[in-house]
Protein backbone atom coordinates (compact mmCIF):
# COMPACT_ATOMS: atom_id res chain seq x y z
CA MET A 1 119.56 91.61 94.93
CA ASN A 2 116.80 92.38 97.43
CA PRO A 3 115.81 96.05 97.78
CA VAL A 4 114.62 95.74 101.40
CA ILE A 5 117.68 93.84 102.62
CA ASP A 6 120.05 95.88 100.61
CA HIS A 7 118.61 99.13 101.98
CA LEU A 8 118.97 97.95 105.60
CA ALA A 9 122.46 96.56 105.12
CA ALA A 10 123.61 99.97 103.57
CA PHE A 11 123.41 101.55 107.07
CA GLY A 12 125.95 99.11 108.39
CA GLY A 13 126.68 99.33 112.14
CA ARG A 14 124.28 102.10 112.87
CA PRO A 15 121.71 101.23 115.58
CA ALA A 16 118.36 100.08 114.10
CA LEU A 17 116.39 98.57 116.94
CA HIS A 18 116.76 99.27 120.65
CA SER A 19 114.83 97.24 123.33
CA ALA A 20 115.14 96.84 127.07
CA SER A 21 117.57 93.95 126.62
CA ALA A 22 119.51 94.55 123.38
CA THR A 23 120.28 96.75 120.40
CA LEU A 24 120.44 95.44 116.80
CA SER A 25 122.42 97.19 114.22
CA TYR A 26 121.21 97.76 110.69
CA ARG A 27 123.64 94.99 109.41
CA GLU A 28 122.41 92.57 112.01
CA LEU A 29 118.83 93.48 111.19
CA ALA A 30 119.44 92.89 107.46
CA ASP A 31 120.86 89.44 108.18
CA ARG A 32 117.99 88.43 110.31
CA VAL A 33 115.40 89.68 107.74
CA ALA A 34 117.20 87.66 105.06
CA CYS A 35 116.84 84.49 107.17
CA ALA A 36 113.22 85.29 107.77
CA ALA A 37 112.66 85.74 104.04
CA GLU A 38 114.09 82.33 103.45
CA GLU A 39 111.86 80.81 106.09
CA PHE A 40 108.71 82.19 104.46
CA GLY A 41 109.85 80.92 101.10
CA PRO A 42 109.38 82.23 97.56
CA VAL A 43 105.82 81.10 96.92
CA ARG A 44 103.85 84.26 97.18
CA GLY A 45 100.91 84.28 99.66
CA ILE A 46 99.22 86.12 102.53
CA VAL A 47 101.21 86.23 105.75
CA GLN A 48 99.19 87.24 108.77
CA ILE A 49 101.42 88.47 111.64
CA GLU A 50 100.40 89.08 115.19
CA ALA A 51 102.34 92.26 115.72
CA ARG A 52 104.13 93.31 118.92
CA ASN A 53 106.47 96.18 119.39
CA ASN A 54 109.62 93.90 119.37
CA ALA A 55 112.36 92.87 117.17
CA ALA A 56 110.90 89.48 116.32
CA THR A 57 107.89 91.21 114.81
CA VAL A 58 109.90 93.72 112.89
CA VAL A 59 112.23 90.98 111.48
CA ARG A 60 109.30 88.71 110.35
CA TYR A 61 107.29 91.61 108.97
CA LEU A 62 110.29 92.85 106.87
CA GLY A 63 111.20 89.27 105.98
CA ALA A 64 107.72 88.55 104.58
CA LEU A 65 107.67 91.85 102.60
CA SER A 66 111.17 91.29 101.24
CA ALA A 67 110.18 87.78 100.02
CA GLY A 68 107.35 89.28 98.04
CA HIS A 69 104.55 88.16 100.34
CA VAL A 70 101.43 90.19 101.09
CA VAL A 71 101.48 91.04 104.85
CA LEU A 72 98.46 91.35 107.08
CA PRO A 73 99.53 92.75 110.49
CA VAL A 74 97.07 92.13 113.29
CA ALA A 75 96.99 93.11 117.02
CA ALA A 76 98.51 90.45 119.24
CA GLY A 77 96.42 88.50 121.76
CA ARG A 78 93.04 88.93 120.08
CA ASP A 79 90.63 86.65 118.30
CA HIS A 80 91.24 86.94 114.52
CA SER A 81 89.15 83.99 113.49
CA ALA A 82 86.89 86.25 111.33
CA LEU A 83 89.86 87.57 109.48
CA VAL A 84 91.35 84.11 108.95
CA GLU A 85 87.99 82.81 107.62
CA ARG A 86 87.47 85.68 105.24
CA TYR A 87 91.01 86.28 103.95
CA ARG A 88 92.41 82.83 104.26
CA PRO A 89 96.11 83.64 105.05
CA ASP A 90 98.56 81.03 103.73
CA ILE A 91 100.79 81.56 106.85
CA VAL A 92 99.87 82.73 110.28
CA VAL A 93 102.63 84.07 112.63
CA ASP A 94 101.88 84.30 116.36
CA ASP A 95 103.68 84.03 119.70
CA THR A 96 103.97 80.23 119.28
CA GLY A 97 105.67 80.39 115.87
CA VAL A 98 105.10 80.24 112.14
CA HIS A 99 102.05 78.20 111.04
CA ARG A 100 101.76 77.14 107.46
CA ARG A 101 98.18 76.60 106.31
CA GLY A 102 99.03 75.44 102.79
CA SER A 103 98.30 77.33 99.66
CA GLN A 104 94.89 79.01 99.94
CA GLY A 105 94.71 79.62 96.11
CA HIS A 106 94.84 83.41 96.22
CA ARG A 107 95.12 85.49 93.04
CA LEU A 108 97.20 88.37 94.27
CA HIS A 109 97.70 91.61 92.37
CA PRO A 110 101.48 91.99 91.60
CA ASP A 111 101.60 95.43 93.29
CA LEU A 112 99.83 94.34 96.47
CA ALA A 113 102.21 94.38 99.58
CA LEU A 114 100.18 95.11 102.60
CA LEU A 115 96.67 94.60 103.97
CA LEU A 116 95.60 96.88 106.90
CA SER A 117 92.50 96.57 108.90
CA THR A 118 89.99 99.32 109.34
CA SER A 119 86.61 99.65 111.12
CA GLY A 120 83.53 99.03 108.97
CA SER A 121 79.96 100.08 109.68
CA THR A 122 78.74 96.49 109.14
CA GLY A 123 81.04 95.03 111.65
CA SER A 124 82.59 92.70 109.07
CA PRO A 125 86.47 92.68 108.89
CA LYS A 126 87.56 95.02 106.04
CA LEU A 127 91.09 95.57 104.80
CA VAL A 128 92.78 98.41 102.95
CA ARG A 129 95.07 97.30 100.09
CA LEU A 130 98.50 99.03 99.82
CA SER A 131 101.29 98.64 97.41
CA GLU A 132 105.02 98.69 97.97
CA ARG A 133 105.06 102.02 96.22
CA ASN A 134 102.31 103.34 98.60
CA LEU A 135 104.50 102.36 101.66
CA ARG A 136 107.74 103.78 100.18
CA THR A 137 106.36 107.12 99.08
CA ASN A 138 104.30 107.65 102.25
CA ALA A 139 107.41 106.87 104.38
CA ALA A 140 109.50 109.27 102.27
CA ALA A 141 106.89 112.04 102.60
CA ILE A 142 106.77 111.68 106.32
CA ALA A 143 110.58 111.44 106.71
CA GLU A 144 110.97 114.69 104.61
CA TYR A 145 108.23 116.62 106.46
CA LEU A 146 109.66 115.71 109.94
CA GLY A 147 113.28 115.97 108.88
CA ILE A 148 114.04 112.50 110.12
CA SER A 149 117.75 111.69 109.89
CA ASP A 150 120.01 108.81 110.92
CA THR A 151 120.60 110.45 114.25
CA ASP A 152 116.89 110.20 115.27
CA CYS A 153 115.20 107.54 117.46
CA ALA A 154 111.50 107.06 117.82
CA ALA A 155 109.84 105.32 120.75
CA THR A 156 107.04 103.09 119.84
CA THR A 157 104.00 104.30 121.65
CA LEU A 158 101.49 102.77 119.17
CA PRO A 159 101.05 99.20 117.95
CA MET A 160 102.60 98.18 114.63
CA SER A 161 99.17 96.66 113.62
CA TYR A 162 97.90 100.25 113.48
CA CYS A 163 98.75 102.30 110.41
CA TYR A 164 99.95 105.21 112.49
CA GLY A 165 102.34 102.98 114.49
CA LEU A 166 103.50 101.21 111.25
CA SER A 167 104.21 104.50 109.51
CA VAL A 168 106.74 105.34 112.35
CA LEU A 169 108.54 102.12 111.61
CA HIS A 170 108.59 102.70 107.79
CA SER A 171 109.68 106.35 107.95
CA HIS A 172 112.59 105.67 110.40
CA LEU A 173 113.99 102.54 108.75
CA LEU A 174 113.87 104.42 105.40
CA SER A 175 115.97 107.08 106.98
CA GLY A 176 118.50 104.92 108.76
CA ALA A 177 117.10 106.14 112.11
CA ALA A 178 116.59 103.97 115.15
CA LEU A 179 113.53 102.62 116.82
CA LEU A 180 112.97 102.16 120.58
CA LEU A 181 110.75 99.13 120.62
CA THR A 182 108.51 98.74 123.57
CA ASP A 183 104.92 97.89 124.47
CA LEU A 184 105.07 99.84 127.73
CA SER A 185 102.56 102.53 128.29
CA VAL A 186 103.58 106.19 128.49
CA THR A 187 102.33 106.01 132.08
CA ASP A 188 105.03 103.45 133.02
CA ASP A 189 108.17 104.93 134.52
CA GLU A 190 110.23 102.32 132.77
CA PHE A 191 109.15 103.73 129.34
CA TRP A 192 110.70 107.06 130.23
CA THR A 193 113.79 105.39 131.63
CA LEU A 194 114.26 103.63 128.33
CA PHE A 195 113.49 106.81 126.42
CA ARG A 196 116.27 108.67 128.14
CA ARG A 197 118.77 105.74 128.09
CA HIS A 198 118.48 105.45 124.25
CA HIS A 199 118.32 109.14 123.59
CA ALA A 200 114.96 108.90 121.93
CA THR A 201 114.07 112.04 119.92
CA SER A 202 110.34 111.57 119.28
CA PHE A 203 107.04 109.74 119.99
CA ALA A 204 103.66 109.54 118.49
CA GLY A 205 100.30 109.97 120.15
CA VAL A 206 96.60 109.73 119.62
CA PRO A 207 94.39 112.11 121.65
CA TYR A 208 94.12 109.64 124.54
CA THR A 209 97.88 109.59 124.83
CA PHE A 210 97.95 113.24 125.62
CA GLU A 211 95.36 112.79 128.32
CA LEU A 212 97.55 110.21 129.89
CA LEU A 213 100.61 112.44 129.70
CA GLU A 214 98.73 115.22 131.46
CA ARG A 215 97.83 112.85 134.28
CA ILE A 216 101.40 111.79 134.93
CA GLY A 217 102.83 115.37 134.92
CA PHE A 218 104.57 115.22 131.53
CA ASP A 219 105.04 118.93 131.58
CA THR A 220 107.65 118.55 134.31
CA PHE A 221 109.71 115.83 132.54
CA GLU A 222 113.30 116.53 131.61
CA LEU A 223 113.83 114.94 128.28
CA PRO A 224 116.77 116.81 126.61
CA GLY A 225 116.81 114.51 123.57
CA LEU A 226 113.23 115.06 122.61
CA ARG A 227 113.01 116.81 119.20
CA TYR A 228 109.34 116.52 118.26
CA VAL A 229 106.01 114.88 119.07
CA THR A 230 103.29 113.85 116.50
CA GLN A 231 99.54 113.61 117.02
CA ALA A 232 97.04 111.90 114.80
CA GLY A 233 94.41 109.18 115.18
CA GLY A 234 91.55 111.48 115.79
CA ARG A 235 90.77 115.08 116.33
CA MET A 236 92.26 116.70 119.37
CA ALA A 237 90.54 119.85 120.70
CA PRO A 238 92.08 123.02 119.44
CA GLN A 239 92.65 124.33 123.04
CA ARG A 240 94.49 121.11 123.82
CA VAL A 241 96.66 121.39 120.78
CA GLN A 242 97.59 124.93 121.71
CA GLU A 243 98.49 123.89 125.24
CA VAL A 244 100.79 121.05 124.10
CA ALA A 245 102.34 123.18 121.41
CA GLU A 246 103.05 125.90 123.99
CA LEU A 247 104.62 123.32 126.34
CA GLY A 248 106.82 122.11 123.38
CA ARG A 249 107.92 125.66 122.74
CA ARG A 250 109.04 126.06 126.39
CA ARG A 251 110.65 122.66 126.49
CA GLY A 252 112.45 122.86 123.15
CA TRP A 253 110.38 120.36 121.05
CA GLU A 254 107.85 120.70 118.32
CA LEU A 255 104.29 119.30 118.01
CA TYR A 256 103.16 118.07 114.59
CA VAL A 257 99.39 117.55 114.16
């Protein structure tokens, strides 16, 4: 029995991950996660994953978690040598594959599941430690507050290496909802084509996201499936919040700050 894989498999043929080229059901996702867990192996270590908003990242991330490893998601395409030197991951996953660095001799707390980066005043790489219980209860609280159900579909507007972006993944997979995986910007027409095609119901934004939306005339967009928009990742001016909330009221969706 594996709680992560069993949870995914329980949603059967419901859509789990949409992309521009394919859709994976929960059953298919569970099978791929099981294979990834076997690939990482049972010897517990730190797995650093260069995260992109695609199915391969989701599969490897969940595979490492389900195998009991401690996962360290990092932004793709950047220099992570300082993190590697300081935290000595046992396995590094990037665009070229899975790279085993041998046992680094870590003494890992049994509750530890995830390491997330944060900015530090000294400029040195700092990580926040999270347990499996942290992830599960946070996802459940978000899902309850937003009323996420298995008919929802969230578009990924933020990277999965960022706690806000990762929380969207957790809360939707916990609820049997779908994710529209894309690294496209909200300023890209193709993003909104995919949004409409897969009947996405929500997206998340930081304050800068809403600046971009204003530039592209978001207030004129026809998005009949949109149910709500969330905002975090920094304080947005109260006047701006009021304007976006009023737009939502006119268009039939809610803003959660």
